Amino acid sequence: MEKGTQIKRRGRVPRIPPFEQKALERSGTRQPGNSKSPGRLLPRAFFEAPPEQVAPRLLGKVLAHRSPHGLISGRIVEAEAYLGPHNDPPDPAAHTFRGPTPRNLVLFGRAGHAYVYTIYGRYFCMNVSCEIEGKAGGVLLRALEPLAGTERMARNRGLAKDAADCELTSGPSRLCQALGLTRAAHDGLDLTSARSVLQIRDDGFGVVGVLVTPRIGLNVAVEWPLRFSIPGHNCVSGKKSLAGTRIVLS
């Protein structure tokens, strides 16, 4: 799982794929008055690496949504890597395992885009596309620590405004609901663009130690150690007793 994919730089200016152009048209460029986002925007190069390298380095970064109601944001505390079909062996748990489809096309595009998909016909989960175009790696965001817009998060979740942080954004569907993310509005958005209403940013928060465990909620490739979390954080989803290995980020 440690094998990396060499990043190739291209001299040409990449075209904007149709799905990305539609996402820009959907999101527009309006920003609410209280929408100032923290830190700096992560560049595309950050995501142009294999997902098992991107996922642990996303911990501590901020997912920020400039919603019509103001800024809603949370710190990423848990993520899972899903490997592209070029991997040896391919990842049978990845949405890209059988190749490109209209549903997963975002993952086959440029790195640093939101792939939002529906589960159970009513909830949403969000991945971030990784690697160079065509490789189709992805990182599932599993949990956030709420930062800004917590009352709006609680309202979006149908909870009391003083609900515990772990009730708001612990779990991939919960965090999408809390931030108001949907496939119709946010799938295909460029997370590295200053124009985008959905971004991933670096506010300087440092993460050194990371807990690595098998992914959860799967029935294939269940032993692959591709789930990464901040050890002991209250907002991390799943069983707190799940054993794993601690690594140190360089």
C-alpha atoms as a PDB file:
ATOM      1  CA  MET A   1       0.000   0.000   0.000  1.00  0.00           C
ATOM      2  CA  GLU A   2       3.045   2.264   0.303  1.00  0.00           C
ATOM      3  CA  LYS A   3       3.759   2.307  -3.409  1.00  0.00           C
ATOM      4  CA  GLY A   4       3.481   5.775  -4.823  1.00  0.00           C
ATOM      5  CA  THR A   5       2.590   7.052  -8.237  1.00  0.00           C
ATOM      6  CA  GLN A   6       5.018   9.372  -9.937  1.00  0.00           C
ATOM      7  CA  ILE A   7       3.535  12.796 -10.524  1.00  0.00           C
ATOM      8  CA  LYS A   8       3.895  13.983 -14.088  1.00  0.00           C
ATOM      9  CA  ARG A   9       3.770  17.684 -14.826  1.00  0.00           C
ATOM     10  CA  ARG A  10       2.229  18.798 -18.079  1.00  0.00           C
ATOM     11  CA  GLY A  11       3.236  21.859 -19.984  1.00  0.00           C
ATOM     12  CA  ARG A  12      -0.168  22.624 -21.458  1.00  0.00           C
ATOM     13  CA  VAL A  13      -2.913  24.512 -19.672  1.00  0.00           C
ATOM     14  CA  PRO A  14      -5.531  21.882 -18.769  1.00  0.00           C
ATOM     15  CA  ARG A  15      -9.024  22.319 -20.118  1.00  0.00           C
ATOM     16  CA  ILE A  16     -11.922  22.627 -17.714  1.00  0.00           C
ATOM     17  CA  PRO A  17     -13.912  19.375 -17.891  1.00  0.00           C
ATOM     18  CA  PRO A  18     -17.658  19.715 -18.561  1.00  0.00           C
ATOM     19  CA  PHE A  19     -18.606  18.517 -15.068  1.00  0.00           C
ATOM     20  CA  GLU A  20     -16.365  21.188 -13.504  1.00  0.00           C
ATOM     21  CA  GLN A  21     -17.781  23.946 -15.710  1.00  0.00           C
ATOM     22  CA  LYS A  22     -21.308  22.931 -14.698  1.00  0.00           C
ATOM     23  CA  ALA A  23     -20.286  22.927 -11.040  1.00  0.00           C
ATOM     24  CA  LEU A  24     -18.917  26.458 -11.345  1.00  0.00           C
ATOM     25  CA  GLU A  25     -22.133  27.601 -12.992  1.00  0.00           C
ATOM     26  CA  ARG A  26     -24.176  26.018 -10.188  1.00  0.00           C
ATOM     27  CA  SER A  27     -22.122  27.514  -7.363  1.00  0.00           C
ATOM     28  CA  GLY A  28     -21.666  30.992  -8.811  1.00  0.00           C
ATOM     29  CA  THR A  29     -19.286  33.430  -7.117  1.00  0.00           C
ATOM     30  CA  ARG A  30     -21.541  35.089  -4.519  1.00  0.00           C
ATOM     31  CA  GLN A  31     -20.125  35.143  -1.015  1.00  0.00           C
ATOM     32  CA  PRO A  32     -22.065  36.040   2.135  1.00  0.00           C
ATOM     33  CA  GLY A  33     -20.772  38.927   4.188  1.00  0.00           C
ATOM     34  CA  ASN A  34     -19.455  36.738   7.020  1.00  0.00           C
ATOM     35  CA  SER A  35     -17.756  34.207   4.756  1.00  0.00           C
ATOM     36  CA  LYS A  36     -14.079  34.924   5.474  1.00  0.00           C
ATOM     37  CA  SER A  37     -12.300  31.574   5.381  1.00  0.00           C
ATOM     38  CA  PRO A  38      -9.362  30.658   7.634  1.00  0.00           C
ATOM     39  CA  GLY A  39      -5.765  30.184   6.540  1.00  0.00           C
ATOM     40  CA  ARG A  40      -4.600  29.558   3.005  1.00  0.00           C
ATOM     41  CA  LEU A  41      -6.145  27.608   0.175  1.00  0.00           C
ATOM     42  CA  LEU A  42      -4.504  24.250  -0.498  1.00  0.00           C
ATOM     43  CA  PRO A  43      -2.980  24.094  -4.004  1.00  0.00           C
ATOM     44  CA  ARG A  44      -3.789  21.362  -6.512  1.00  0.00           C
ATOM     45  CA  ALA A  45      -0.290  19.903  -6.140  1.00  0.00           C
ATOM     46  CA  PHE A  46      -1.208  18.874  -2.577  1.00  0.00           C
ATOM     47  CA  PHE A  47      -3.772  16.429  -3.987  1.00  0.00           C
ATOM     48  CA  GLU A  48      -1.683  15.163  -6.922  1.00  0.00           C
ATOM     49  CA  ALA A  49      -0.364  12.219  -4.954  1.00  0.00           C
ATOM     50  CA  PRO A  50      -1.633   8.718  -4.139  1.00  0.00           C
ATOM     51  CA  PRO A  51      -4.630   8.796  -1.776  1.00  0.00           C
ATOM     52  CA  GLU A  52      -2.820   6.837   0.942  1.00  0.00           C
ATOM     53  CA  GLN A  53      -0.388   9.772   1.100  1.00  0.00           C
ATOM     54  CA  VAL A  54      -2.986  12.537   0.785  1.00  0.00           C
ATOM     55  CA  ALA A  55      -5.385  11.163   3.426  1.00  0.00           C
ATOM     56  CA  PRO A  56      -3.131  11.441   6.502  1.00  0.00           C
ATOM     57  CA  ARG A  57      -1.936  14.873   5.421  1.00  0.00           C
ATOM     58  CA  LEU A  58      -5.535  16.091   5.176  1.00  0.00           C
ATOM     59  CA  LEU A  59      -5.921  15.611   8.919  1.00  0.00           C
ATOM     60  CA  GLY A  60      -6.003  18.991  10.621  1.00  0.00           C
ATOM     61  CA  LYS A  61      -6.973  20.828   7.434  1.00  0.00           C
ATOM     62  CA  VAL A  62     -10.230  22.798   7.275  1.00  0.00           C
ATOM     63  CA  LEU A  63     -13.205  21.987   5.045  1.00  0.00           C
ATOM     64  CA  ALA A  64     -14.949  25.323   4.511  1.00  0.00           C
ATOM     65  CA  HIS A  65     -18.350  25.904   2.908  1.00  0.00           C
ATOM     66  CA  ARG A  66     -19.360  29.470   2.097  1.00  0.00           C
ATOM     67  CA  SER A  67     -23.046  28.764   2.286  1.00  0.00           C
ATOM     68  CA  PRO A  68     -25.956  31.183   1.730  1.00  0.00           C
ATOM     69  CA  HIS A  69     -26.193  31.324   5.533  1.00  0.00           C
ATOM     70  CA  GLY A  70     -22.530  32.188   6.106  1.00  0.00           C
ATOM     71  CA  LEU A  71     -19.343  30.237   6.638  1.00  0.00           C
ATOM     72  CA  ILE A  72     -19.692  26.659   7.891  1.00  0.00           C
ATOM     73  CA  SER A  73     -16.437  24.836   8.502  1.00  0.00           C
ATOM     74  CA  GLY A  74     -14.797  21.966  10.329  1.00  0.00           C
ATOM     75  CA  ARG A  75     -11.378  20.480  10.876  1.00  0.00           C
ATOM     76  CA  ILE A  76     -10.768  17.107   9.219  1.00  0.00           C
ATOM     77  CA  VAL A  77     -10.039  14.500  11.910  1.00  0.00           C
ATOM     78  CA  GLU A  78     -10.693  11.252  10.031  1.00  0.00           C
ATOM     79  CA  ALA A  79     -10.320  10.161   6.397  1.00  0.00           C
ATOM     80  CA  GLU A  80     -10.087   6.990   4.334  1.00  0.00           C
ATOM     81  CA  ALA A  81      -8.070   6.374   1.179  1.00  0.00           C
ATOM     82  CA  TYR A  82      -9.548   4.593  -1.849  1.00  0.00           C
ATOM     83  CA  LEU A  83      -7.085   3.510  -4.517  1.00  0.00           C
ATOM     84  CA  GLY A  84      -7.520   3.925  -8.255  1.00  0.00           C
ATOM     85  CA  PRO A  85      -8.024   1.023 -10.708  1.00  0.00           C
ATOM     86  CA  HIS A  86      -4.372   1.298 -11.808  1.00  0.00           C
ATOM     87  CA  ASN A  87      -3.246   0.129  -8.370  1.00  0.00           C
ATOM     88  CA  ASP A  88      -1.824  -3.395  -8.059  1.00  0.00           C
ATOM     89  CA  PRO A  89      -4.068  -4.892  -6.864  1.00  0.00           C
ATOM     90  CA  PRO A  90      -7.021  -2.609  -7.648  1.00  0.00           C
ATOM     91  CA  ASP A  91      -9.162  -1.523  -4.717  1.00  0.00           C
ATOM     92  CA  PRO A  92     -12.468  -3.449  -4.840  1.00  0.00           C
ATOM     93  CA  ALA A  93     -14.026  -1.041  -2.332  1.00  0.00           C
ATOM     94  CA  ALA A  94     -13.415   2.021  -4.523  1.00  0.00           C
ATOM     95  CA  HIS A  95     -16.188   3.520  -6.642  1.00  0.00           C
ATOM     96  CA  THR A  96     -13.706   3.558  -9.537  1.00  0.00           C
ATOM     97  CA  PHE A  97     -12.941  -0.184  -9.370  1.00  0.00           C
ATOM     98  CA  ARG A  98     -14.826  -0.983 -12.591  1.00  0.00           C
ATOM     99  CA  GLY A  99     -13.735   2.119 -14.472  1.00  0.00           C
ATOM    100  CA  PRO A 100     -15.302   5.495 -15.301  1.00  0.00           C
ATOM    101  CA  THR A 101     -19.071   5.990 -15.223  1.00  0.00           C
ATOM    102  CA  PRO A 102     -21.258   9.109 -15.295  1.00  0.00           C
ATOM    103  CA  ARG A 103     -21.508   8.837 -11.501  1.00  0.00           C
ATOM    104  CA  ASN A 104     -17.778   8.679 -10.677  1.00  0.00           C
ATOM    105  CA  LEU A 105     -16.354  10.785 -13.510  1.00  0.00           C
ATOM    106  CA  VAL A 106     -15.097  13.468 -11.112  1.00  0.00           C
ATOM    107  CA  LEU A 107     -12.593  11.023  -9.628  1.00  0.00           C
ATOM    108  CA  PHE A 108     -11.063  10.413 -13.058  1.00  0.00           C
ATOM    109  CA  GLY A 109     -10.547  14.143 -13.593  1.00  0.00           C
ATOM    110  CA  ARG A 110      -8.081  16.580 -12.089  1.00  0.00           C
ATOM    111  CA  ALA A 111      -7.057  16.308  -8.460  1.00  0.00           C
ATOM    112  CA  GLY A 112      -8.611  18.468  -5.761  1.00  0.00           C
ATOM    113  CA  HIS A 113     -12.284  18.182  -6.722  1.00  0.00           C
ATOM    114  CA  ALA A 114     -15.292  17.224  -4.632  1.00  0.00           C
ATOM    115  CA  TYR A 115     -16.935  13.922  -5.460  1.00  0.00           C
ATOM    116  CA  VAL A 116     -20.299  13.925  -3.669  1.00  0.00           C
ATOM    117  CA  TYR A 117     -22.462  10.843  -3.955  1.00  0.00           C
ATOM    118  CA  THR A 118     -25.762   9.581  -2.581  1.00  0.00           C
ATOM    119  CA  ILE A 119     -26.203   6.668  -0.173  1.00  0.00           C
ATOM    120  CA  TYR A 120     -29.458   5.021   0.865  1.00  0.00           C
ATOM    121  CA  GLY A 121     -31.247   7.339  -1.543  1.00  0.00           C
ATOM    122  CA  ARG A 122     -31.237  10.308   0.835  1.00  0.00           C
ATOM    123  CA  TYR A 123     -27.812  10.949   2.422  1.00  0.00           C
ATOM    124  CA  PHE A 124     -24.553  12.198   0.946  1.00  0.00           C
ATOM    125  CA  CYS A 125     -20.843  11.476   1.371  1.00  0.00           C
ATOM    126  CA  MET A 126     -17.884  13.446   0.055  1.00  0.00           C
ATOM    127  CA  ASN A 127     -14.597  12.312  -1.467  1.00  0.00           C
ATOM    128  CA  VAL A 128     -11.691  14.392  -2.706  1.00  0.00           C
ATOM    129  CA  SER A 129     -10.132  13.384  -6.032  1.00  0.00           C
ATOM    130  CA  CYS A 130      -6.411  12.580  -5.930  1.00  0.00           C
ATOM    131  CA  GLU A 131      -3.522  11.841  -8.290  1.00  0.00           C
ATOM    132  CA  ILE A 132      -3.039  13.067 -11.838  1.00  0.00           C
ATOM    133  CA  GLU A 133      -5.930  13.019 -14.280  1.00  0.00           C
ATOM    134  CA  GLY A 134      -7.072   9.507 -15.147  1.00  0.00           C
ATOM    135  CA  LYS A 135      -5.654   7.740 -12.069  1.00  0.00           C
ATOM    136  CA  ALA A 136      -8.887   8.104 -10.071  1.00  0.00           C
ATOM    137  CA  GLY A 137      -7.690   7.945  -6.490  1.00  0.00           C
ATOM    138  CA  GLY A 138      -9.946   9.381  -3.810  1.00  0.00           C
ATOM    139  CA  VAL A 139     -10.144  10.242  -0.115  1.00  0.00           C
ATOM    140  CA  LEU A 140     -13.398   9.908   1.807  1.00  0.00           C
ATOM    141  CA  LEU A 141     -13.860  12.533   4.512  1.00  0.00           C
ATOM    142  CA  ARG A 142     -15.227  10.630   7.520  1.00  0.00           C
ATOM    143  CA  ALA A 143     -15.317  13.150  10.376  1.00  0.00           C
ATOM    144  CA  LEU A 144     -14.790  16.817  11.212  1.00  0.00           C
ATOM    145  CA  GLU A 145     -14.344  18.856  14.370  1.00  0.00           C
ATOM    146  CA  PRO A 146     -16.866  21.727  14.055  1.00  0.00           C
ATOM    147  CA  LEU A 147     -15.265  25.177  13.854  1.00  0.00           C
ATOM    148  CA  ALA A 148     -17.575  27.828  12.365  1.00  0.00           C
ATOM    149  CA  GLY A 149     -21.338  27.913  11.942  1.00  0.00           C
ATOM    150  CA  THR A 150     -22.093  25.331  14.618  1.00  0.00           C
ATOM    151  CA  GLU A 151     -25.659  26.543  15.169  1.00  0.00           C
ATOM    152  CA  ARG A 152     -26.338  26.216  11.452  1.00  0.00           C
ATOM    153  CA  MET A 153     -24.796  22.725  11.540  1.00  0.00           C
ATOM    154  CA  ALA A 154     -27.182  21.746  14.340  1.00  0.00           C
ATOM    155  CA  ARG A 155     -30.144  23.160  12.424  1.00  0.00           C
ATOM    156  CA  ASN A 156     -29.125  21.288   9.280  1.00  0.00           C
ATOM    157  CA  ARG A 157     -28.884  18.100  11.339  1.00  0.00           C
ATOM    158  CA  GLY A 158     -32.216  18.683  13.091  1.00  0.00           C
ATOM    159  CA  LEU A 159     -30.545  18.902  16.515  1.00  0.00           C
ATOM    160  CA  ALA A 160     -30.564  21.354  19.407  1.00  0.00           C
ATOM    161  CA  LYS A 161     -28.166  24.270  18.928  1.00  0.00           C
ATOM    162  CA  ASP A 162     -26.052  23.075  21.860  1.00  0.00           C
ATOM    163  CA  ALA A 163     -25.654  19.550  20.459  1.00  0.00           C
ATOM    164  CA  ALA A 164     -22.302  17.884  21.092  1.00  0.00           C
ATOM    165  CA  ASP A 165     -19.658  18.238  18.407  1.00  0.00           C
ATOM    166  CA  CYS A 166     -19.579  14.488  17.808  1.00  0.00           C
ATOM    167  CA  GLU A 167     -23.319  14.529  17.063  1.00  0.00           C
ATOM    168  CA  LEU A 168     -22.820  17.147  14.370  1.00  0.00           C
ATOM    169  CA  THR A 169     -19.982  15.921  12.186  1.00  0.00           C
ATOM    170  CA  SER A 170     -18.850  12.442  13.305  1.00  0.00           C
ATOM    171  CA  GLY A 171     -19.450  10.276  10.240  1.00  0.00           C
ATOM    172  CA  PRO A 172     -19.314  10.934   6.474  1.00  0.00           C
ATOM    173  CA  SER A 173     -23.068  11.494   6.033  1.00  0.00           C
ATOM    174  CA  ARG A 174     -23.396  13.583   9.176  1.00  0.00           C
ATOM    175  CA  LEU A 175     -20.662  15.989   8.094  1.00  0.00           C
ATOM    176  CA  CYS A 176     -22.267  16.495   4.681  1.00  0.00           C
ATOM    177  CA  GLN A 177     -25.648  17.132   6.275  1.00  0.00           C
ATOM    178  CA  ALA A 178     -24.142  19.525   8.828  1.00  0.00           C
ATOM    179  CA  LEU A 179     -22.350  21.555   6.146  1.00  0.00           C
ATOM    180  CA  GLY A 180     -25.323  21.455   3.774  1.00  0.00           C
ATOM    181  CA  LEU A 181     -23.496  19.523   1.039  1.00  0.00           C
ATOM    182  CA  THR A 182     -25.435  17.736  -1.705  1.00  0.00           C
ATOM    183  CA  ARG A 183     -24.569  16.007  -4.948  1.00  0.00           C
ATOM    184  CA  ALA A 184     -26.705  18.416  -6.990  1.00  0.00           C
ATOM    185  CA  ALA A 185     -24.998  21.529  -5.637  1.00  0.00           C
ATOM    186  CA  HIS A 186     -21.443  20.477  -4.819  1.00  0.00           C
ATOM    187  CA  ASP A 187     -20.336  17.465  -6.863  1.00  0.00           C
ATOM    188  CA  GLY A 188     -17.472  18.479  -9.162  1.00  0.00           C
ATOM    189  CA  LEU A 189     -16.541  21.705  -7.366  1.00  0.00           C
ATOM    190  CA  ASP A 190     -12.853  22.619  -7.501  1.00  0.00           C
ATOM    191  CA  LEU A 191     -11.675  22.684  -3.881  1.00  0.00           C
ATOM    192  CA  THR A 192      -8.480  24.522  -4.897  1.00  0.00           C
ATOM    193  CA  SER A 193     -10.237  27.463  -6.579  1.00  0.00           C
ATOM    194  CA  ALA A 194     -10.651  30.838  -4.871  1.00  0.00           C
ATOM    195  CA  ARG A 195     -14.005  31.107  -6.703  1.00  0.00           C
ATOM    196  CA  SER A 196     -15.382  27.907  -5.226  1.00  0.00           C
ATOM    197  CA  VAL A 197     -17.877  27.991  -2.337  1.00  0.00           C
ATOM    198  CA  LEU A 198     -16.338  24.735  -1.084  1.00  0.00           C
ATOM    199  CA  GLN A 199     -12.638  24.654  -0.248  1.00  0.00           C
ATOM    200  CA  ILE A 200     -10.022  22.837   1.815  1.00  0.00           C
ATOM    201  CA  ARG A 201      -7.712  25.218   3.651  1.00  0.00           C
ATOM    202  CA  ASP A 202      -4.647  25.155   5.887  1.00  0.00           C
ATOM    203  CA  ASP A 203      -4.879  27.345   8.998  1.00  0.00           C
ATOM    204  CA  GLY A 204      -1.559  26.177  10.421  1.00  0.00           C
ATOM    205  CA  PHE A 205      -2.943  23.510  12.753  1.00  0.00           C
ATOM    206  CA  GLY A 206      -0.262  20.863  13.208  1.00  0.00           C
ATOM    207  CA  VAL A 207      -0.859  17.116  13.248  1.00  0.00           C
ATOM    208  CA  VAL A 208       2.113  14.861  13.956  1.00  0.00           C
ATOM    209  CA  GLY A 209       0.776  11.546  15.216  1.00  0.00           C
ATOM    210  CA  VAL A 210      -1.792   9.662  13.115  1.00  0.00           C
ATOM    211  CA  LEU A 211      -3.675   6.446  13.895  1.00  0.00           C
ATOM    212  CA  VAL A 212      -3.841   4.028  10.957  1.00  0.00           C
ATOM    213  CA  THR A 213      -6.493   1.264  10.945  1.00  0.00           C
ATOM    214  CA  PRO A 214      -8.445  -0.788   8.410  1.00  0.00           C
ATOM    215  CA  ARG A 215     -11.347   1.022   6.781  1.00  0.00           C
ATOM    216  CA  ILE A 216     -14.753   0.496   8.352  1.00  0.00           C
ATOM    217  CA  GLY A 217     -18.212  -0.317   7.035  1.00  0.00           C
ATOM    218  CA  LEU A 218     -16.923  -2.460   4.144  1.00  0.00           C
ATOM    219  CA  ASN A 219     -17.306  -6.098   3.124  1.00  0.00           C
ATOM    220  CA  VAL A 220     -14.322  -6.204   0.736  1.00  0.00           C
ATOM    221  CA  ALA A 221     -10.660  -5.317   1.308  1.00  0.00           C
ATOM    222  CA  VAL A 222     -11.562  -5.032   4.973  1.00  0.00           C
ATOM    223  CA  GLU A 223      -7.993  -5.581   6.145  1.00  0.00           C
ATOM    224  CA  TRP A 224      -6.359  -2.803   4.098  1.00  0.00           C
ATOM    225  CA  PRO A 225      -4.923  -0.177   6.507  1.00  0.00           C
ATOM    226  CA  LEU A 226      -6.252   2.907   4.745  1.00  0.00           C
ATOM    227  CA  ARG A 227      -8.212   4.722   7.477  1.00  0.00           C
ATOM    228  CA  PHE A 228      -6.422   7.656   9.112  1.00  0.00           C
ATOM    229  CA  SER A 229      -7.501   9.637  12.169  1.00  0.00           C
ATOM    230  CA  ILE A 230      -6.268  11.956  14.892  1.00  0.00           C
ATOM    231  CA  PRO A 231      -5.717   9.620  17.857  1.00  0.00           C
ATOM    232  CA  GLY A 232      -8.252   9.965  20.659  1.00  0.00           C
ATOM    233  CA  HIS A 233     -10.274  12.728  19.026  1.00  0.00           C
ATOM    234  CA  ASN A 234     -13.878  12.751  20.215  1.00  0.00           C
ATOM    235  CA  CYS A 235     -15.304  13.377  16.740  1.00  0.00           C
ATOM    236  CA  VAL A 236     -13.721  10.336  15.093  1.00  0.00           C
ATOM    237  CA  SER A 237     -16.438   7.918  13.966  1.00  0.00           C
ATOM    238  CA  GLY A 238     -16.758   4.204  14.581  1.00  0.00           C
ATOM    239  CA  LYS A 239     -15.607   2.101  17.508  1.00  0.00           C
ATOM    240  CA  LYS A 240     -13.148   3.907  19.763  1.00  0.00           C
ATOM    241  CA  SER A 241     -11.498   0.594  20.597  1.00  0.00           C
ATOM    242  CA  LEU A 242     -10.461  -0.161  17.002  1.00  0.00           C
ATOM    243  CA  ALA A 243      -6.797  -1.183  17.105  1.00  0.00           C
ATOM    244  CA  GLY A 244      -4.254   0.234  14.729  1.00  0.00           C
ATOM    245  CA  THR A 245      -0.748   1.562  14.224  1.00  0.00           C
ATOM    246  CA  ARG A 246       0.489   5.023  15.052  1.00  0.00           C
ATOM    247  CA  ILE A 247       2.660   6.803  12.518  1.00  0.00           C
ATOM    248  CA  VAL A 248       4.464  10.126  12.602  1.00  0.00           C
ATOM    249  CA  LEU A 249       4.038  12.546   9.698  1.00  0.00           C
ATOM    250  CA  SER A 250       7.267  14.016   8.397  1.00  0.00           C
END
